[in-house]
Amino acid sequence: MSAIAVYRYLVPVMWFGWAVYWRASSRNVKRTVWHESLPSRLSYIVPLALAGLLLSVPNLPLPVPALQARFLPVAAWPFVIDAVLTGAGLFFSVWARQYFGTNWSGAV
């Protein structure tokens, strides 16, 4: 596999694998006693969905030029740091979900 393919696909594959695990493990949890309101839930789901869209669409023309400016050099080290931090965060969330077991809930 070429380095370009690793750069292009590693982080999305990690996120996709995490999403599949998260969805599969959400089936075996206890019923939530309290449910949050739709506006409350949308207050964090909409920004997350927007961020996912902005990150997943390559070369998206944005009306704010500063958002298209490169602030890190083209090098391997920013990608390595990104991949390690992403992997650590995803691993931590999987560990937390397994630790709490059936007591896991999105509502705190």
Protein backbone atom coordinates (compact mmCIF):
# COMPACT_ATOMS: atom_id res chain seq x y z
CA MET A 1 0.00 0.00 0.00
CA SER A 2 1.41 3.37 -0.92
CA ALA A 3 1.97 6.16 1.56
CA ILE A 4 -0.66 8.28 -0.19
CA ALA A 5 -3.29 5.57 0.30
CA VAL A 6 -2.37 5.31 3.99
CA TYR A 7 -2.70 9.08 4.38
CA ARG A 8 -6.01 9.12 2.55
CA TYR A 9 -7.72 6.10 4.15
CA LEU A 10 -6.30 5.33 7.60
CA VAL A 11 -8.24 7.87 9.66
CA PRO A 12 -11.56 7.38 7.80
CA VAL A 13 -11.19 3.59 8.19
CA MET A 14 -10.56 4.01 11.94
CA TRP A 15 -13.68 6.17 12.27
CA PHE A 16 -15.78 3.78 10.18
CA GLY A 17 -14.67 0.80 12.27
CA TRP A 18 -15.48 2.74 15.43
CA ALA A 19 -18.94 3.68 14.11
CA VAL A 20 -19.72 0.05 13.24
CA TYR A 21 -18.61 -1.09 16.71
CA TRP A 22 -20.55 1.73 18.40
CA ARG A 23 -23.76 0.89 16.54
CA ALA A 24 -23.43 -2.84 17.20
CA SER A 25 -22.74 -2.34 20.91
CA SER A 26 -25.66 0.06 21.34
CA ARG A 27 -28.14 -2.80 21.04
CA ASN A 28 -27.29 -4.48 24.35
CA VAL A 29 -27.75 -1.66 26.86
CA LYS A 30 -30.31 -1.04 29.55
CA ARG A 31 -33.34 1.04 28.71
CA THR A 32 -32.80 4.75 29.37
CA VAL A 33 -34.96 6.09 32.17
CA TRP A 34 -34.73 9.74 31.14
CA HIS A 35 -34.78 11.05 27.57
CA GLU A 36 -33.55 14.46 26.54
CA SER A 37 -35.65 16.78 24.40
CA LEU A 38 -35.21 16.90 20.62
CA PRO A 39 -33.83 20.50 20.64
CA SER A 40 -31.26 19.49 23.25
CA ARG A 41 -30.17 16.47 21.23
CA LEU A 42 -30.02 18.46 17.99
CA SER A 43 -27.84 21.09 19.69
CA TYR A 44 -24.86 18.72 19.48
CA ILE A 45 -25.85 16.37 16.66
CA VAL A 46 -26.18 19.13 14.04
CA PRO A 47 -22.70 20.63 14.70
CA LEU A 48 -21.17 17.13 14.67
CA ALA A 49 -22.87 16.31 11.37
CA LEU A 50 -21.72 19.62 9.89
CA ALA A 51 -18.14 18.98 11.03
CA GLY A 52 -18.27 15.48 9.51
CA LEU A 53 -19.49 16.94 6.23
CA LEU A 54 -16.78 19.60 6.16
CA LEU A 55 -14.08 17.02 6.89
CA SER A 56 -15.33 14.41 4.44
CA VAL A 57 -15.86 16.49 1.32
CA PRO A 58 -12.50 17.16 -0.35
CA ASN A 59 -11.90 20.57 -1.90
CA LEU A 60 -15.18 21.97 -0.62
CA PRO A 61 -15.36 25.63 -1.69
CA LEU A 62 -15.79 27.56 1.56
CA PRO A 63 -16.85 31.22 1.69
CA VAL A 64 -14.22 32.00 4.36
CA PRO A 65 -10.73 32.01 2.80
CA ALA A 66 -9.00 31.54 6.17
CA LEU A 67 -10.61 28.10 6.45
CA GLN A 68 -8.79 27.00 3.30
CA ALA A 69 -5.34 28.20 4.41
CA ARG A 70 -2.72 25.61 5.32
CA PHE A 71 -1.24 26.18 8.76
CA LEU A 72 0.89 23.03 9.05
CA PRO A 73 3.65 22.06 6.65
CA VAL A 74 3.20 19.19 4.23
CA ALA A 75 5.09 16.50 6.14
CA ALA A 76 4.55 13.08 7.67
CA TRP A 77 4.68 14.14 11.34
CA PRO A 78 1.30 15.99 11.43
CA PHE A 79 -0.39 12.90 9.96
CA VAL A 80 1.31 10.57 12.44
CA ILE A 81 0.27 12.77 15.38
CA ASP A 82 -3.29 12.94 13.99
CA ALA A 83 -3.49 9.17 13.52
CA VAL A 84 -2.11 8.44 17.01
CA LEU A 85 -4.43 10.94 18.74
CA THR A 86 -7.45 9.73 16.75
CA GLY A 87 -6.65 6.10 17.50
CA ALA A 88 -6.11 6.86 21.21
CA GLY A 89 -9.42 8.74 21.44
CA LEU A 90 -11.35 6.00 19.66
CA PHE A 91 -9.69 3.33 21.78
CA PHE A 92 -10.55 5.23 24.97
CA SER A 93 -14.21 5.53 23.96
CA VAL A 94 -14.39 1.79 23.17
CA TRP A 95 -12.73 0.98 26.49
CA ALA A 96 -15.21 3.23 28.35
CA ARG A 97 -18.17 1.61 26.64
CA GLN A 98 -16.91 -1.87 27.53
CA TYR A 99 -16.13 -0.80 31.09
CA PHE A 100 -19.66 0.51 31.69
CA GLY A 101 -21.17 -2.49 29.89
CA THR A 102 -24.97 -2.50 29.81
CA ASN A 103 -25.06 0.66 31.96
CA TRP A 104 -23.79 2.76 29.04
CA SER A 105 -26.03 5.65 28.07
CA GLY A 106 -25.71 8.74 25.94
CA ALA A 107 -27.76 10.64 28.53
CA VAL A 108 -25.70 11.66 31.53
